[in-house]
Amino acid sequence: MSGVSIDLANLVGLGGSTLMVIAFIYSNVAKVLNFLLFNLLNLVGSIMLIASLAVHFNLASMALEVVWAVIAVFGLAKAWMGRKSA
């Protein structure tokens, strides 16, 4: 890969992508989905990607990750509230 450096920002972004792929795999193989775990993996992954994109900016990717993080926060809140009422 010409012109691509493996710096800390890229490593953080790759880690975030890995967490989000793990969440996706988990959502497809779990018999019962733990929504706290699923949304936490997505939130942490998207925050890591946002940090990476702050260094290597791309508007479309940043917009996607911000929306992804907001949805994950909503999902976490919903899962947490459901857990407290159970």
C-alpha atoms as a PDB file:
ATOM      1  CA  MET A   1       0.000   0.000   0.000  1.00  0.00           C
ATOM      2  CA  SER A   2       1.705   3.091  -1.187  1.00  0.00           C
ATOM      3  CA  GLY A   3       1.200   6.213   0.920  1.00  0.00           C
ATOM      4  CA  VAL A   4      -0.521   4.533   3.869  1.00  0.00           C
ATOM      5  CA  SER A   5       1.329   4.769   7.141  1.00  0.00           C
ATOM      6  CA  ILE A   6       0.531   2.612  10.118  1.00  0.00           C
ATOM      7  CA  ASP A   7       0.504   5.315  12.762  1.00  0.00           C
ATOM      8  CA  LEU A   8      -1.351   5.414  16.083  1.00  0.00           C
ATOM      9  CA  ALA A   9      -4.474   6.954  14.531  1.00  0.00           C
ATOM     10  CA  ASN A  10      -4.694   4.128  11.990  1.00  0.00           C
ATOM     11  CA  LEU A  11      -4.157   1.495  14.684  1.00  0.00           C
ATOM     12  CA  VAL A  12      -6.929   3.034  16.793  1.00  0.00           C
ATOM     13  CA  GLY A  13      -9.213   3.092  13.744  1.00  0.00           C
ATOM     14  CA  LEU A  14      -8.437  -0.540  12.949  1.00  0.00           C
ATOM     15  CA  GLY A  15      -9.209  -1.452  16.566  1.00  0.00           C
ATOM     16  CA  GLY A  16     -12.535   0.365  16.347  1.00  0.00           C
ATOM     17  CA  SER A  17     -13.382  -1.366  13.088  1.00  0.00           C
ATOM     18  CA  THR A  18     -12.543  -4.703  14.681  1.00  0.00           C
ATOM     19  CA  LEU A  19     -14.910  -4.048  17.591  1.00  0.00           C
ATOM     20  CA  MET A  20     -17.713  -3.126  15.214  1.00  0.00           C
ATOM     21  CA  VAL A  21     -17.163  -6.260  13.117  1.00  0.00           C
ATOM     22  CA  ILE A  22     -17.173  -8.354  16.302  1.00  0.00           C
ATOM     23  CA  ALA A  23     -20.504  -6.733  17.255  1.00  0.00           C
ATOM     24  CA  PHE A  24     -21.915  -7.521  13.814  1.00  0.00           C
ATOM     25  CA  ILE A  25     -20.771 -11.135  13.950  1.00  0.00           C
ATOM     26  CA  TYR A  26     -22.149 -11.451  17.486  1.00  0.00           C
ATOM     27  CA  SER A  27     -25.543 -10.090  16.405  1.00  0.00           C
ATOM     28  CA  ASN A  28     -25.718 -12.740  13.689  1.00  0.00           C
ATOM     29  CA  VAL A  29     -24.624 -15.774  15.699  1.00  0.00           C
ATOM     30  CA  ALA A  30     -26.028 -15.144  19.189  1.00  0.00           C
ATOM     31  CA  LYS A  31     -29.166 -17.047  20.104  1.00  0.00           C
ATOM     32  CA  VAL A  32     -30.070 -14.304  22.571  1.00  0.00           C
ATOM     33  CA  LEU A  33     -28.607 -10.871  21.951  1.00  0.00           C
ATOM     34  CA  ASN A  34     -27.200  -8.955  24.908  1.00  0.00           C
ATOM     35  CA  PHE A  35     -28.101  -5.421  23.816  1.00  0.00           C
ATOM     36  CA  LEU A  36     -25.812  -3.804  26.387  1.00  0.00           C
ATOM     37  CA  LEU A  37     -22.797  -5.684  25.013  1.00  0.00           C
ATOM     38  CA  PHE A  38     -23.824  -5.180  21.388  1.00  0.00           C
ATOM     39  CA  ASN A  39     -24.329  -1.430  21.728  1.00  0.00           C
ATOM     40  CA  LEU A  40     -21.253  -0.977  23.920  1.00  0.00           C
ATOM     41  CA  LEU A  41     -19.055  -2.657  21.306  1.00  0.00           C
ATOM     42  CA  ASN A  42     -20.573  -0.411  18.630  1.00  0.00           C
ATOM     43  CA  LEU A  43     -20.173   2.743  20.729  1.00  0.00           C
ATOM     44  CA  VAL A  44     -16.548   2.095  21.662  1.00  0.00           C
ATOM     45  CA  GLY A  45     -15.757   1.088  18.087  1.00  0.00           C
ATOM     46  CA  SER A  46     -17.336   4.210  16.639  1.00  0.00           C
ATOM     47  CA  ILE A  47     -15.570   6.460  19.179  1.00  0.00           C
ATOM     48  CA  MET A  48     -12.257   4.869  18.236  1.00  0.00           C
ATOM     49  CA  LEU A  49     -13.001   5.456  14.559  1.00  0.00           C
ATOM     50  CA  ILE A  50     -14.005   9.067  15.268  1.00  0.00           C
ATOM     51  CA  ALA A  51     -10.651   9.562  17.023  1.00  0.00           C
ATOM     52  CA  SER A  52      -8.856   8.095  14.017  1.00  0.00           C
ATOM     53  CA  LEU A  53     -10.877  10.252  11.623  1.00  0.00           C
ATOM     54  CA  ALA A  54      -9.982  13.359  13.626  1.00  0.00           C
ATOM     55  CA  VAL A  55      -6.413  12.771  12.412  1.00  0.00           C
ATOM     56  CA  HIS A  56      -7.156  11.355   8.950  1.00  0.00           C
ATOM     57  CA  PHE A  57     -10.374  13.230   8.186  1.00  0.00           C
ATOM     58  CA  ASN A  58     -13.018  12.005   5.786  1.00  0.00           C
ATOM     59  CA  LEU A  59     -16.387  13.774   5.978  1.00  0.00           C
ATOM     60  CA  ALA A  60     -18.570  10.853   4.876  1.00  0.00           C
ATOM     61  CA  SER A  61     -16.920   8.443   7.303  1.00  0.00           C
ATOM     62  CA  MET A  62     -17.051  10.965  10.148  1.00  0.00           C
ATOM     63  CA  ALA A  63     -20.775  11.573   9.563  1.00  0.00           C
ATOM     64  CA  LEU A  64     -21.436   7.826   9.539  1.00  0.00           C
ATOM     65  CA  GLU A  65     -19.500   7.245  12.766  1.00  0.00           C
ATOM     66  CA  VAL A  66     -21.191  10.132  14.601  1.00  0.00           C
ATOM     67  CA  VAL A  67     -24.612   8.782  13.642  1.00  0.00           C
ATOM     68  CA  TRP A  68     -23.483   5.248  14.591  1.00  0.00           C
ATOM     69  CA  ALA A  69     -22.354   6.487  18.016  1.00  0.00           C
ATOM     70  CA  VAL A  70     -25.645   8.326  18.616  1.00  0.00           C
ATOM     71  CA  ILE A  71     -27.632   5.206  17.725  1.00  0.00           C
ATOM     72  CA  ALA A  72     -25.415   3.111  20.019  1.00  0.00           C
ATOM     73  CA  VAL A  73     -25.976   5.558  22.906  1.00  0.00           C
ATOM     74  CA  PHE A  74     -29.726   5.350  22.295  1.00  0.00           C
ATOM     75  CA  GLY A  75     -29.511   1.548  22.222  1.00  0.00           C
ATOM     76  CA  LEU A  76     -27.475   1.485  25.431  1.00  0.00           C
ATOM     77  CA  ALA A  77     -29.970   3.745  27.200  1.00  0.00           C
ATOM     78  CA  LYS A  78     -32.881   1.619  26.021  1.00  0.00           C
ATOM     79  CA  ALA A  79     -31.155  -1.611  27.075  1.00  0.00           C
ATOM     80  CA  TRP A  80     -30.175  -0.132  30.444  1.00  0.00           C
ATOM     81  CA  MET A  81     -33.706   1.111  31.135  1.00  0.00           C
ATOM     82  CA  GLY A  82     -35.143  -2.272  30.148  1.00  0.00           C
ATOM     83  CA  ARG A  83     -32.663  -3.981  32.443  1.00  0.00           C
ATOM     84  CA  LYS A  84     -33.611  -1.782  35.404  1.00  0.00           C
ATOM     85  CA  SER A  85     -37.328  -2.441  34.947  1.00  0.00           C
ATOM     86  CA  ALA A  86     -36.870  -6.209  34.641  1.00  0.00           C
END
